[in-house]
Amino acid sequence: MANLLEPWVLLSVIASAIATLLLARAGTTAVRVLRHFDARRATEGQLALERRLELASTFVRVAFTLDLAALVLLVLSADKLSHAIRGAMCGYGVFAANDWGFRALFAAIASVFVTGLVAQAFAFDARVRGMDLARPLSIATLVTVPFGFAKLVLVWLFLSKLDLTVVASCCSVDLDAAAADTTLYAHGPRELAAYGAPAATALAVALALVASRRPTRGKVAVAGASALLAAVLGVAAAVLEVAPHAFETPRHVCPFCLVKPDVLAIGYPLFGALLAAGLWAAGAALATALARGPAAREAWAGFVRDRLRREAIALVVALLVGVAPVVRYAVVSGGAPLFR
């Protein structure tokens, strides 16, 4: 329990707790809206519900910001604590130090994505004249609540049960050993990620820009799917291609080492840009699904254009950050290939 007094750890728990409380508060408003909301009425109680729904929108957006901060702090805490655990050279060893580590990490990522997606829906609603989306938004808000509580519980279990006296496994023990099989790694998944990620990113950017000019439901769906594929392949390429070139070691495939100062912490902008691209693409797709009424359809095109352009920018940023270590290695090595 003493490690909970570490500044980064404490900040991560506090941010997670506040985000969960805000989601729970927004959830109570969502329940009231589902039970009593009727856009056809103009009573005082109806107007009060509308104001509460606007407040719930603020709660969700702030909760998303805190959730994102909590995720960054969780990763940063693991990196800082790696110096206190024998054998843990980076955050991988800390997360692997007990059974709750990676569960907490994946729960935090899921909570960020779900809450961010609902925040996107509220951003779309802010452009819609009227209260057509009150019930769908309330249902979406309720979905975020269990994710928030699950994330908070798992983060608490991980950090409270983390024993700093154990001997942890270094990322090189598990990850580098798997990368040692050149027939499976160097000429298999790595090449697929190395060539597939830039190609998928370029395609996703082109489709996003085309769809943003004259958006239709079909174009938005295709652009969103391509962006999500590019984000998935981008994560794979970050692990299998970017990390080895950043550390000039063909077998070092640890994503947690990319957030270390040794490589200018490029993992933060790289994974952050991929997450942003996925969220904006999913936000455009969600707005397409919600745009049923006249007012929502009127606001849909402008919102989708904005999200698709943001998605394209985020993917370009991710591509540039990911390519930088590969280009740098090619320059310093005189063009020598890292994988032979």
C-alpha atoms as a PDB file:
ATOM      1  CA  MET A   1       0.000   0.000   0.000  1.00  0.00           C
ATOM      2  CA  ALA A   2       2.976   2.314   0.497  1.00  0.00           C
ATOM      3  CA  ASN A   3       3.419   2.680  -3.257  1.00  0.00           C
ATOM      4  CA  LEU A   4       0.042   4.453  -3.367  1.00  0.00           C
ATOM      5  CA  LEU A   5       1.825   7.415  -1.781  1.00  0.00           C
ATOM      6  CA  GLU A   6       4.030   7.803  -4.855  1.00  0.00           C
ATOM      7  CA  PRO A   7       2.991  11.100  -6.521  1.00  0.00           C
ATOM      8  CA  TRP A   8       2.301   9.673 -10.003  1.00  0.00           C
ATOM      9  CA  VAL A   9       0.448   6.689  -8.569  1.00  0.00           C
ATOM     10  CA  LEU A  10      -1.681   8.842  -6.301  1.00  0.00           C
ATOM     11  CA  LEU A  11      -2.532  11.245  -9.123  1.00  0.00           C
ATOM     12  CA  SER A  12      -3.557   8.334 -11.359  1.00  0.00           C
ATOM     13  CA  VAL A  13      -5.907   6.906  -8.717  1.00  0.00           C
ATOM     14  CA  ILE A  14      -7.398  10.325  -7.937  1.00  0.00           C
ATOM     15  CA  ALA A  15      -8.002  11.102 -11.625  1.00  0.00           C
ATOM     16  CA  SER A  16      -9.637   7.697 -12.134  1.00  0.00           C
ATOM     17  CA  ALA A  17     -11.831   8.136  -9.060  1.00  0.00           C
ATOM     18  CA  ILE A  18     -13.016  11.622 -10.019  1.00  0.00           C
ATOM     19  CA  ALA A  19     -13.718  10.533 -13.613  1.00  0.00           C
ATOM     20  CA  THR A  20     -15.787   7.589 -12.341  1.00  0.00           C
ATOM     21  CA  LEU A  21     -17.753   9.809  -9.956  1.00  0.00           C
ATOM     22  CA  LEU A  22     -18.515  12.244 -12.772  1.00  0.00           C
ATOM     23  CA  LEU A  23     -19.724   9.397 -14.992  1.00  0.00           C
ATOM     24  CA  ALA A  24     -21.899   8.094 -12.158  1.00  0.00           C
ATOM     25  CA  ARG A  25     -23.374  11.573 -11.680  1.00  0.00           C
ATOM     26  CA  ALA A  26     -24.072  11.852 -15.417  1.00  0.00           C
ATOM     27  CA  GLY A  27     -25.642   8.388 -15.254  1.00  0.00           C
ATOM     28  CA  THR A  28     -28.205   9.510 -12.667  1.00  0.00           C
ATOM     29  CA  THR A  29     -29.312  12.269 -15.044  1.00  0.00           C
ATOM     30  CA  ALA A  30     -29.478   9.744 -17.883  1.00  0.00           C
ATOM     31  CA  VAL A  31     -31.840   7.563 -15.850  1.00  0.00           C
ATOM     32  CA  ARG A  32     -34.132  10.529 -15.187  1.00  0.00           C
ATOM     33  CA  VAL A  33     -34.146  11.476 -18.865  1.00  0.00           C
ATOM     34  CA  LEU A  34     -35.070   7.941 -19.919  1.00  0.00           C
ATOM     35  CA  ARG A  35     -37.894   7.868 -17.397  1.00  0.00           C
ATOM     36  CA  HIS A  36     -39.394  11.344 -17.758  1.00  0.00           C
ATOM     37  CA  PHE A  37     -38.097  13.123 -20.875  1.00  0.00           C
ATOM     38  CA  ASP A  38     -40.685  14.166 -23.454  1.00  0.00           C
ATOM     39  CA  ALA A  39     -39.610  16.759 -26.030  1.00  0.00           C
ATOM     40  CA  ARG A  40     -43.244  17.587 -26.813  1.00  0.00           C
ATOM     41  CA  ARG A  41     -43.813  19.087 -23.373  1.00  0.00           C
ATOM     42  CA  ALA A  42     -42.727  22.558 -22.291  1.00  0.00           C
ATOM     43  CA  THR A  43     -43.226  22.192 -18.558  1.00  0.00           C
ATOM     44  CA  GLU A  44     -40.848  23.450 -15.906  1.00  0.00           C
ATOM     45  CA  GLY A  45     -39.783  19.891 -15.129  1.00  0.00           C
ATOM     46  CA  GLN A  46     -39.019  19.250 -18.805  1.00  0.00           C
ATOM     47  CA  LEU A  47     -36.863  22.380 -19.019  1.00  0.00           C
ATOM     48  CA  ALA A  48     -35.035  21.303 -15.863  1.00  0.00           C
ATOM     49  CA  LEU A  49     -34.285  17.921 -17.462  1.00  0.00           C
ATOM     50  CA  GLU A  50     -32.884  19.625 -20.537  1.00  0.00           C
ATOM     51  CA  ARG A  51     -30.545  21.731 -18.389  1.00  0.00           C
ATOM     52  CA  ARG A  52     -29.470  18.635 -16.462  1.00  0.00           C
ATOM     53  CA  LEU A  53     -28.697  16.860 -19.719  1.00  0.00           C
ATOM     54  CA  GLU A  54     -26.449  19.751 -20.725  1.00  0.00           C
ATOM     55  CA  LEU A  55     -24.710  19.436 -17.355  1.00  0.00           C
ATOM     56  CA  ALA A  56     -24.340  15.681 -17.926  1.00  0.00           C
ATOM     57  CA  SER A  57     -22.628  16.486 -21.232  1.00  0.00           C
ATOM     58  CA  THR A  58     -20.080  18.580 -19.338  1.00  0.00           C
ATOM     59  CA  PHE A  59     -19.560  15.775 -16.811  1.00  0.00           C
ATOM     60  CA  VAL A  60     -18.862  13.253 -19.590  1.00  0.00           C
ATOM     61  CA  ARG A  61     -16.412  15.536 -21.366  1.00  0.00           C
ATOM     62  CA  VAL A  62     -14.511  16.328 -18.175  1.00  0.00           C
ATOM     63  CA  ALA A  63     -14.554  12.621 -17.255  1.00  0.00           C
ATOM     64  CA  PHE A  64     -13.024  11.789 -20.633  1.00  0.00           C
ATOM     65  CA  THR A  65     -10.239  14.321 -20.065  1.00  0.00           C
ATOM     66  CA  LEU A  66      -9.560  12.886 -16.603  1.00  0.00           C
ATOM     67  CA  ASP A  67      -9.744   9.323 -17.930  1.00  0.00           C
ATOM     68  CA  LEU A  68      -7.150  10.180 -20.559  1.00  0.00           C
ATOM     69  CA  ALA A  69      -4.959  11.854 -17.940  1.00  0.00           C
ATOM     70  CA  ALA A  70      -5.363   8.822 -15.662  1.00  0.00           C
ATOM     71  CA  LEU A  71      -4.250   6.496 -18.468  1.00  0.00           C
ATOM     72  CA  VAL A  72      -1.147   8.590 -19.166  1.00  0.00           C
ATOM     73  CA  LEU A  73      -0.397   8.766 -15.437  1.00  0.00           C
ATOM     74  CA  LEU A  74      -0.863   4.996 -15.097  1.00  0.00           C
ATOM     75  CA  VAL A  75       1.707   4.348 -17.825  1.00  0.00           C
ATOM     76  CA  LEU A  76       3.995   7.025 -16.400  1.00  0.00           C
ATOM     77  CA  SER A  77       3.635   5.516 -12.911  1.00  0.00           C
ATOM     78  CA  ALA A  78       4.611   2.091 -14.218  1.00  0.00           C
ATOM     79  CA  ASP A  79       7.655   3.585 -15.903  1.00  0.00           C
ATOM     80  CA  LYS A  80       8.690   5.440 -12.728  1.00  0.00           C
ATOM     81  CA  LEU A  81       8.126   2.384 -10.524  1.00  0.00           C
ATOM     82  CA  SER A  82      10.286   0.240 -12.813  1.00  0.00           C
ATOM     83  CA  HIS A  83      13.301   1.770 -11.070  1.00  0.00           C
ATOM     84  CA  ALA A  84      12.022   0.472  -7.721  1.00  0.00           C
ATOM     85  CA  ILE A  85      11.360  -3.142  -8.780  1.00  0.00           C
ATOM     86  CA  ARG A  86      14.318  -5.389  -9.422  1.00  0.00           C
ATOM     87  CA  GLY A  87      14.297  -6.815 -12.924  1.00  0.00           C
ATOM     88  CA  ALA A  88      11.727  -4.372 -14.297  1.00  0.00           C
ATOM     89  CA  MET A  89      13.528  -2.257 -16.867  1.00  0.00           C
ATOM     90  CA  CYS A  90      10.362  -0.487 -18.054  1.00  0.00           C
ATOM     91  CA  GLY A  91       6.614  -0.376 -17.508  1.00  0.00           C
ATOM     92  CA  TYR A  92       6.196  -3.881 -18.925  1.00  0.00           C
ATOM     93  CA  GLY A  93       7.841  -5.448 -15.900  1.00  0.00           C
ATOM     94  CA  VAL A  94       5.680  -3.403 -13.530  1.00  0.00           C
ATOM     95  CA  PHE A  95       2.404  -4.322 -15.235  1.00  0.00           C
ATOM     96  CA  ALA A  96       3.518  -7.952 -15.315  1.00  0.00           C
ATOM     97  CA  ALA A  97       4.448  -7.899 -11.620  1.00  0.00           C
ATOM     98  CA  ASN A  98       0.967  -9.034 -10.546  1.00  0.00           C
ATOM     99  CA  ASP A  99      -2.165 -10.505 -12.085  1.00  0.00           C
ATOM    100  CA  TRP A 100      -4.004  -7.165 -12.207  1.00  0.00           C
ATOM    101  CA  GLY A 101      -1.460  -5.084 -14.126  1.00  0.00           C
ATOM    102  CA  PHE A 102      -2.414  -5.668 -17.736  1.00  0.00           C
ATOM    103  CA  ARG A 103      -6.088  -6.009 -16.833  1.00  0.00           C
ATOM    104  CA  ALA A 104      -5.953  -2.516 -15.341  1.00  0.00           C
ATOM    105  CA  LEU A 105      -4.130  -1.150 -18.384  1.00  0.00           C
ATOM    106  CA  PHE A 106      -6.585  -2.615 -20.907  1.00  0.00           C
ATOM    107  CA  ALA A 107      -9.541  -1.499 -18.774  1.00  0.00           C
ATOM    108  CA  ALA A 108      -8.137   2.043 -18.683  1.00  0.00           C
ATOM    109  CA  ILE A 109      -7.729   2.061 -22.473  1.00  0.00           C
ATOM    110  CA  ALA A 110     -11.266   0.718 -22.961  1.00  0.00           C
ATOM    111  CA  SER A 111     -12.707   3.307 -20.586  1.00  0.00           C
ATOM    112  CA  VAL A 112     -10.929   6.131 -22.429  1.00  0.00           C
ATOM    113  CA  PHE A 113     -12.239   4.942 -25.788  1.00  0.00           C
ATOM    114  CA  VAL A 114     -15.837   4.410 -24.624  1.00  0.00           C
ATOM    115  CA  THR A 115     -16.026   7.687 -22.695  1.00  0.00           C
ATOM    116  CA  GLY A 116     -14.341   9.527 -25.566  1.00  0.00           C
ATOM    117  CA  LEU A 117     -16.845   8.100 -28.015  1.00  0.00           C
ATOM    118  CA  VAL A 118     -19.765   9.284 -25.886  1.00  0.00           C
ATOM    119  CA  ALA A 119     -18.090  12.697 -25.600  1.00  0.00           C
ATOM    120  CA  GLN A 120     -18.021  12.732 -29.415  1.00  0.00           C
ATOM    121  CA  ALA A 121     -21.755  12.025 -29.434  1.00  0.00           C
ATOM    122  CA  PHE A 122     -22.366  14.954 -27.082  1.00  0.00           C
ATOM    123  CA  ALA A 123     -20.216  17.170 -29.319  1.00  0.00           C
ATOM    124  CA  PHE A 124     -22.458  16.206 -32.230  1.00  0.00           C
ATOM    125  CA  ASP A 125     -25.551  16.912 -30.132  1.00  0.00           C
ATOM    126  CA  ALA A 126     -24.211  20.418 -29.405  1.00  0.00           C
ATOM    127  CA  ARG A 127     -24.612  21.177 -33.129  1.00  0.00           C
ATOM    128  CA  VAL A 128     -28.146  19.786 -33.341  1.00  0.00           C
ATOM    129  CA  ARG A 129     -31.035  22.189 -32.870  1.00  0.00           C
ATOM    130  CA  GLY A 130     -33.495  20.584 -30.507  1.00  0.00           C
ATOM    131  CA  MET A 131     -33.384  17.570 -28.194  1.00  0.00           C
ATOM    132  CA  ASP A 132     -33.725  14.743 -30.728  1.00  0.00           C
ATOM    133  CA  LEU A 133     -30.725  12.870 -29.314  1.00  0.00           C
ATOM    134  CA  ALA A 134     -31.664  13.067 -25.622  1.00  0.00           C
ATOM    135  CA  ARG A 135     -32.568   9.387 -25.234  1.00  0.00           C
ATOM    136  CA  PRO A 136     -29.733   7.879 -27.326  1.00  0.00           C
ATOM    137  CA  LEU A 137     -27.234  10.045 -25.451  1.00  0.00           C
ATOM    138  CA  SER A 138     -28.683   8.960 -22.115  1.00  0.00           C
ATOM    139  CA  ILE A 139     -28.319   5.299 -23.055  1.00  0.00           C
ATOM    140  CA  ALA A 140     -24.736   5.923 -24.205  1.00  0.00           C
ATOM    141  CA  THR A 141     -23.964   7.735 -20.949  1.00  0.00           C
ATOM    142  CA  LEU A 142     -25.193   4.780 -18.917  1.00  0.00           C
ATOM    143  CA  VAL A 143     -22.868   2.498 -20.892  1.00  0.00           C
ATOM    144  CA  THR A 144     -19.831   4.468 -19.709  1.00  0.00           C
ATOM    145  CA  VAL A 145     -20.613   3.970 -16.014  1.00  0.00           C
ATOM    146  CA  PRO A 146     -19.718   0.248 -15.700  1.00  0.00           C
ATOM    147  CA  PHE A 147     -16.569   0.823 -17.744  1.00  0.00           C
ATOM    148  CA  GLY A 148     -15.547   3.585 -15.360  1.00  0.00           C
ATOM    149  CA  PHE A 149     -16.152   1.514 -12.235  1.00  0.00           C
ATOM    150  CA  ALA A 150     -14.439  -1.571 -13.686  1.00  0.00           C
ATOM    151  CA  LYS A 151     -11.404   0.503 -14.610  1.00  0.00           C
ATOM    152  CA  LEU A 152     -11.237   2.124 -11.170  1.00  0.00           C
ATOM    153  CA  VAL A 153     -11.475  -1.219  -9.358  1.00  0.00           C
ATOM    154  CA  LEU A 154      -8.820  -2.864 -11.531  1.00  0.00           C
ATOM    155  CA  VAL A 155      -6.440   0.088 -11.243  1.00  0.00           C
ATOM    156  CA  TRP A 156      -6.882   0.071  -7.463  1.00  0.00           C
ATOM    157  CA  LEU A 157      -6.273  -3.685  -7.264  1.00  0.00           C
ATOM    158  CA  PHE A 158      -3.181  -3.420  -9.430  1.00  0.00           C
ATOM    159  CA  LEU A 159      -1.591  -0.525  -7.575  1.00  0.00           C
ATOM    160  CA  SER A 160      -2.619  -1.563  -4.066  1.00  0.00           C
ATOM    161  CA  LYS A 161      -1.359  -5.133  -4.532  1.00  0.00           C
ATOM    162  CA  LEU A 162       1.842  -4.134  -6.301  1.00  0.00           C
ATOM    163  CA  ASP A 163       4.775  -5.499  -4.308  1.00  0.00           C
ATOM    164  CA  LEU A 164       7.912  -3.454  -4.847  1.00  0.00           C
ATOM    165  CA  THR A 165      10.072  -6.157  -3.257  1.00  0.00           C
ATOM    166  CA  VAL A 166       9.417  -8.795  -5.923  1.00  0.00           C
ATOM    167  CA  VAL A 167      11.792  -9.634  -8.744  1.00  0.00           C
ATOM    168  CA  ALA A 168       9.938  -8.832 -11.962  1.00  0.00           C
ATOM    169  CA  SER A 169      10.536  -9.996 -15.506  1.00  0.00           C
ATOM    170  CA  CYS A 170      12.193  -7.602 -17.917  1.00  0.00           C
ATOM    171  CA  CYS A 171      10.490  -7.032 -21.260  1.00  0.00           C
ATOM    172  CA  SER A 172      13.491  -8.651 -22.945  1.00  0.00           C
ATOM    173  CA  VAL A 173      12.720 -11.944 -21.192  1.00  0.00           C
ATOM    174  CA  ASP A 174       9.272 -12.315 -22.754  1.00  0.00           C
ATOM    175  CA  LEU A 175       9.015  -9.985 -25.745  1.00  0.00           C
ATOM    176  CA  ASP A 176      12.545 -10.136 -27.100  1.00  0.00           C
ATOM    177  CA  ALA A 177      12.552 -13.916 -26.800  1.00  0.00           C
ATOM    178  CA  ALA A 178       9.452 -14.130 -28.977  1.00  0.00           C
ATOM    179  CA  ALA A 179      11.063 -11.832 -31.538  1.00  0.00           C
ATOM    180  CA  ALA A 180      14.095 -14.117 -31.720  1.00  0.00           C
ATOM    181  CA  ASP A 181      12.207 -16.485 -34.037  1.00  0.00           C
ATOM    182  CA  THR A 182      13.113 -14.790 -37.320  1.00  0.00           C
ATOM    183  CA  THR A 183      10.962 -17.105 -39.442  1.00  0.00           C
ATOM    184  CA  LEU A 184       7.850 -16.105 -37.510  1.00  0.00           C
ATOM    185  CA  TYR A 185       8.726 -12.535 -36.638  1.00  0.00           C
ATOM    186  CA  ALA A 186      11.136 -10.831 -39.036  1.00  0.00           C
ATOM    187  CA  HIS A 187       9.565 -12.198 -42.208  1.00  0.00           C
ATOM    188  CA  GLY A 188       5.995 -12.578 -40.965  1.00  0.00           C
ATOM    189  CA  PRO A 189       4.062 -10.155 -38.804  1.00  0.00           C
ATOM    190  CA  ARG A 190       6.798  -7.518 -38.898  1.00  0.00           C
ATOM    191  CA  GLU A 191       6.778  -7.169 -42.666  1.00  0.00           C
ATOM    192  CA  LEU A 192       2.981  -7.112 -42.707  1.00  0.00           C
ATOM    193  CA  ALA A 193       2.966  -4.315 -40.141  1.00  0.00           C
ATOM    194  CA  ALA A 194       5.929  -2.447 -41.661  1.00  0.00           C
ATOM    195  CA  TYR A 195       4.402  -2.233 -45.115  1.00  0.00           C
ATOM    196  CA  GLY A 196       0.735  -2.515 -44.220  1.00  0.00           C
ATOM    197  CA  ALA A 197       0.605   0.328 -41.684  1.00  0.00           C
ATOM    198  CA  PRO A 198       1.920   3.118 -43.975  1.00  0.00           C
ATOM    199  CA  ALA A 199      -0.209   1.870 -46.870  1.00  0.00           C
ATOM    200  CA  ALA A 200      -3.341   1.652 -44.711  1.00  0.00           C
ATOM    201  CA  THR A 201      -2.605   5.083 -43.226  1.00  0.00           C
ATOM    202  CA  ALA A 202      -2.190   6.706 -46.636  1.00  0.00           C
ATOM    203  CA  LEU A 203      -5.413   5.058 -47.832  1.00  0.00           C
ATOM    204  CA  ALA A 204      -7.307   6.129 -44.695  1.00  0.00           C
ATOM    205  CA  VAL A 205      -6.111   9.739 -45.041  1.00  0.00           C
ATOM    206  CA  ALA A 206      -7.147   9.834 -48.697  1.00  0.00           C
ATOM    207  CA  LEU A 207     -10.564   8.327 -47.982  1.00  0.00           C
ATOM    208  CA  ALA A 208     -11.123  10.719 -45.058  1.00  0.00           C
ATOM    209  CA  LEU A 209     -10.329  13.757 -47.205  1.00  0.00           C
ATOM    210  CA  VAL A 210     -12.537  12.522 -50.051  1.00  0.00           C
ATOM    211  CA  ALA A 211     -15.417  11.767 -47.684  1.00  0.00           C
ATOM    212  CA  SER A 212     -15.057  15.136 -45.949  1.00  0.00           C
ATOM    213  CA  ARG A 213     -15.625  17.028 -49.205  1.00  0.00           C
ATOM    214  CA  ARG A 214     -19.020  15.490 -49.951  1.00  0.00           C
ATOM    215  CA  PRO A 215     -19.942  13.201 -47.067  1.00  0.00           C
ATOM    216  CA  THR A 216     -22.408  10.386 -47.535  1.00  0.00           C
ATOM    217  CA  ARG A 217     -23.232   7.549 -45.168  1.00  0.00           C
ATOM    218  CA  GLY A 218     -21.366   5.059 -47.333  1.00  0.00           C
ATOM    219  CA  LYS A 219     -18.248   7.212 -47.656  1.00  0.00           C
ATOM    220  CA  VAL A 220     -18.138   7.891 -43.920  1.00  0.00           C
ATOM    221  CA  ALA A 221     -18.503   4.194 -43.122  1.00  0.00           C
ATOM    222  CA  VAL A 222     -15.669   3.244 -45.479  1.00  0.00           C
ATOM    223  CA  ALA A 223     -13.435   6.072 -44.221  1.00  0.00           C
ATOM    224  CA  GLY A 224     -14.103   5.123 -40.597  1.00  0.00           C
ATOM    225  CA  ALA A 225     -13.365   1.440 -41.181  1.00  0.00           C
ATOM    226  CA  SER A 226     -10.121   2.254 -42.999  1.00  0.00           C
ATOM    227  CA  ALA A 227      -9.029   4.578 -40.181  1.00  0.00           C
ATOM    228  CA  LEU A 228      -9.644   1.919 -37.538  1.00  0.00           C
ATOM    229  CA  LEU A 229      -7.678  -0.603 -39.624  1.00  0.00           C
ATOM    230  CA  ALA A 230      -4.845   1.911 -39.979  1.00  0.00           C
ATOM    231  CA  ALA A 231      -4.853   2.495 -36.207  1.00  0.00           C
ATOM    232  CA  VAL A 232      -4.641  -1.244 -35.471  1.00  0.00           C
ATOM    233  CA  LEU A 233      -1.836  -1.772 -37.977  1.00  0.00           C
ATOM    234  CA  GLY A 234      -0.167   1.369 -36.634  1.00  0.00           C
ATOM    235  CA  VAL A 235      -0.005  -0.101 -33.141  1.00  0.00           C
ATOM    236  CA  ALA A 236       1.468  -3.314 -34.575  1.00  0.00           C
ATOM    237  CA  ALA A 237       4.039  -1.351 -36.570  1.00  0.00           C
ATOM    238  CA  ALA A 238       4.963   0.705 -33.505  1.00  0.00           C
ATOM    239  CA  VAL A 239       5.806  -2.494 -31.656  1.00  0.00           C
ATOM    240  CA  LEU A 240       7.372  -4.546 -34.443  1.00  0.00           C
ATOM    241  CA  GLU A 241       9.075  -1.883 -36.567  1.00  0.00           C
ATOM    242  CA  VAL A 242       9.374   1.450 -34.767  1.00  0.00           C
ATOM    243  CA  ALA A 243      10.654   0.131 -31.420  1.00  0.00           C
ATOM    244  CA  PRO A 244      13.484  -1.992 -32.914  1.00  0.00           C
ATOM    245  CA  HIS A 245      14.678   0.932 -35.030  1.00  0.00           C
ATOM    246  CA  ALA A 246      14.396   3.366 -32.119  1.00  0.00           C
ATOM    247  CA  PHE A 247      16.653   1.150 -29.989  1.00  0.00           C
ATOM    248  CA  GLU A 248      18.723  -0.148 -32.931  1.00  0.00           C
ATOM    249  CA  THR A 249      18.049  -3.714 -31.821  1.00  0.00           C
ATOM    250  CA  PRO A 250      16.022  -5.989 -34.133  1.00  0.00           C
ATOM    251  CA  ARG A 251      14.605  -8.081 -31.290  1.00  0.00           C
ATOM    252  CA  HIS A 252      13.494  -5.277 -28.978  1.00  0.00           C
ATOM    253  CA  VAL A 253       9.723  -5.064 -29.530  1.00  0.00           C
ATOM    254  CA  CYS A 254       8.543  -3.428 -26.298  1.00  0.00           C
ATOM    255  CA  PRO A 255       5.926  -0.648 -26.619  1.00  0.00           C
ATOM    256  CA  PHE A 256       6.555   0.515 -23.046  1.00  0.00           C
ATOM    257  CA  CYS A 257      10.178   1.372 -23.813  1.00  0.00           C
ATOM    258  CA  LEU A 258       8.915   3.877 -26.391  1.00  0.00           C
ATOM    259  CA  VAL A 259       7.722   6.143 -23.569  1.00  0.00           C
ATOM    260  CA  LYS A 260      11.180   6.338 -22.019  1.00  0.00           C
ATOM    261  CA  PRO A 261      13.309   9.512 -22.318  1.00  0.00           C
ATOM    262  CA  ASP A 262      15.996   7.511 -24.172  1.00  0.00           C
ATOM    263  CA  VAL A 263      13.886   7.769 -27.347  1.00  0.00           C
ATOM    264  CA  LEU A 264      12.360  11.185 -26.561  1.00  0.00           C
ATOM    265  CA  ALA A 265       9.187   9.447 -25.279  1.00  0.00           C
ATOM    266  CA  ILE A 266       7.853   9.159 -28.826  1.00  0.00           C
ATOM    267  CA  GLY A 267       5.365   6.557 -27.626  1.00  0.00           C
ATOM    268  CA  TYR A 268       3.135   9.261 -26.185  1.00  0.00           C
ATOM    269  CA  PRO A 269       2.567  11.233 -29.421  1.00  0.00           C
ATOM    270  CA  LEU A 270       2.567   8.045 -31.512  1.00  0.00           C
ATOM    271  CA  PHE A 271      -0.043   6.100 -29.539  1.00  0.00           C
ATOM    272  CA  GLY A 272      -1.889   9.320 -28.701  1.00  0.00           C
ATOM    273  CA  ALA A 273      -2.286  10.208 -32.374  1.00  0.00           C
ATOM    274  CA  LEU A 274      -3.506   6.686 -33.184  1.00  0.00           C
ATOM    275  CA  LEU A 275      -6.037   6.854 -30.347  1.00  0.00           C
ATOM    276  CA  ALA A 276      -7.235  10.280 -31.498  1.00  0.00           C
ATOM    277  CA  ALA A 277      -7.602   9.082 -35.086  1.00  0.00           C
ATOM    278  CA  GLY A 278      -9.617   6.071 -33.963  1.00  0.00           C
ATOM    279  CA  LEU A 279     -11.848   8.196 -31.746  1.00  0.00           C
ATOM    280  CA  TRP A 280     -12.557  10.803 -34.429  1.00  0.00           C
ATOM    281  CA  ALA A 281     -13.258   8.119 -37.012  1.00  0.00           C
ATOM    282  CA  ALA A 282     -15.589   6.309 -34.623  1.00  0.00           C
ATOM    283  CA  GLY A 283     -17.187   9.646 -33.690  1.00  0.00           C
ATOM    284  CA  ALA A 284     -18.021  10.340 -37.331  1.00  0.00           C
ATOM    285  CA  ALA A 285     -19.502   6.858 -37.676  1.00  0.00           C
ATOM    286  CA  LEU A 286     -21.531   7.257 -34.476  1.00  0.00           C
ATOM    287  CA  ALA A 287     -22.891  10.614 -35.641  1.00  0.00           C
ATOM    288  CA  THR A 288     -23.929   8.925 -38.880  1.00  0.00           C
ATOM    289  CA  ALA A 289     -25.858   6.328 -36.919  1.00  0.00           C
ATOM    290  CA  LEU A 290     -27.521   8.979 -34.736  1.00  0.00           C
ATOM    291  CA  ALA A 291     -28.477  11.363 -37.563  1.00  0.00           C
ATOM    292  CA  ARG A 292     -32.070  10.233 -38.014  1.00  0.00           C
ATOM    293  CA  GLY A 293     -34.233  13.291 -37.399  1.00  0.00           C
ATOM    294  CA  PRO A 294     -34.307  16.443 -39.597  1.00  0.00           C
ATOM    295  CA  ALA A 295     -32.314  18.564 -37.136  1.00  0.00           C
ATOM    296  CA  ALA A 296     -29.639  15.887 -36.684  1.00  0.00           C
ATOM    297  CA  ARG A 297     -29.297  15.355 -40.433  1.00  0.00           C
ATOM    298  CA  GLU A 298     -28.874  19.093 -40.917  1.00  0.00           C
ATOM    299  CA  ALA A 299     -25.960  19.203 -38.455  1.00  0.00           C
ATOM    300  CA  TRP A 300     -24.443  15.891 -39.561  1.00  0.00           C
ATOM    301  CA  ALA A 301     -22.444  16.995 -42.608  1.00  0.00           C
ATOM    302  CA  GLY A 302     -20.559  19.777 -40.823  1.00  0.00           C
ATOM    303  CA  PHE A 303     -19.723  17.574 -37.852  1.00  0.00           C
ATOM    304  CA  VAL A 304     -18.528  14.687 -40.021  1.00  0.00           C
ATOM    305  CA  ARG A 305     -16.319  16.971 -42.133  1.00  0.00           C
ATOM    306  CA  ASP A 306     -14.651  18.283 -38.997  1.00  0.00           C
ATOM    307  CA  ARG A 307     -14.054  14.797 -37.525  1.00  0.00           C
ATOM    308  CA  LEU A 308     -12.743  13.293 -40.748  1.00  0.00           C
ATOM    309  CA  ARG A 309     -10.277  16.142 -41.231  1.00  0.00           C
ATOM    310  CA  ARG A 310      -9.078  15.781 -37.653  1.00  0.00           C
ATOM    311  CA  GLU A 311      -8.725  12.044 -38.191  1.00  0.00           C
ATOM    312  CA  ALA A 312      -6.597  12.632 -41.296  1.00  0.00           C
ATOM    313  CA  ILE A 313      -4.319  15.054 -39.416  1.00  0.00           C
ATOM    314  CA  ALA A 314      -3.913  12.593 -36.511  1.00  0.00           C
ATOM    315  CA  LEU A 315      -2.991   9.759 -38.881  1.00  0.00           C
ATOM    316  CA  VAL A 316      -0.405  11.937 -40.645  1.00  0.00           C
ATOM    317  CA  VAL A 317       1.107  12.852 -37.259  1.00  0.00           C
ATOM    318  CA  ALA A 318       1.258   9.174 -36.267  1.00  0.00           C
ATOM    319  CA  LEU A 319       2.895   8.280 -39.587  1.00  0.00           C
ATOM    320  CA  LEU A 320       5.531  11.004 -39.276  1.00  0.00           C
ATOM    321  CA  VAL A 321       6.374  10.105 -35.675  1.00  0.00           C
ATOM    322  CA  GLY A 322       6.552   6.408 -36.529  1.00  0.00           C
ATOM    323  CA  VAL A 323       8.744   6.905 -39.586  1.00  0.00           C
ATOM    324  CA  ALA A 324      11.211   9.213 -37.794  1.00  0.00           C
ATOM    325  CA  PRO A 325      13.186   6.459 -35.948  1.00  0.00           C
ATOM    326  CA  VAL A 326      13.362   4.357 -39.126  1.00  0.00           C
ATOM    327  CA  VAL A 327      14.733   7.295 -41.128  1.00  0.00           C
ATOM    328  CA  ARG A 328      17.140   8.197 -38.334  1.00  0.00           C
ATOM    329  CA  TYR A 329      18.511   4.641 -38.214  1.00  0.00           C
ATOM    330  CA  ALA A 330      18.958   4.608 -41.975  1.00  0.00           C
ATOM    331  CA  VAL A 331      20.991   7.830 -41.768  1.00  0.00           C
ATOM    332  CA  VAL A 332      23.220   6.855 -38.833  1.00  0.00           C
ATOM    333  CA  SER A 333      23.790   3.331 -40.167  1.00  0.00           C
ATOM    334  CA  GLY A 334      24.578   4.447 -43.661  1.00  0.00           C
ATOM    335  CA  GLY A 335      21.591   2.589 -45.059  1.00  0.00           C
ATOM    336  CA  ALA A 336      22.398  -0.744 -43.431  1.00  0.00           C
ATOM    337  CA  PRO A 337      19.276  -2.892 -42.857  1.00  0.00           C
ATOM    338  CA  LEU A 338      18.358  -3.583 -39.237  1.00  0.00           C
ATOM    339  CA  PHE A 339      16.770  -6.946 -40.056  1.00  0.00           C
ATOM    340  CA  ARG A 340      19.001  -9.331 -41.931  1.00  0.00           C
END
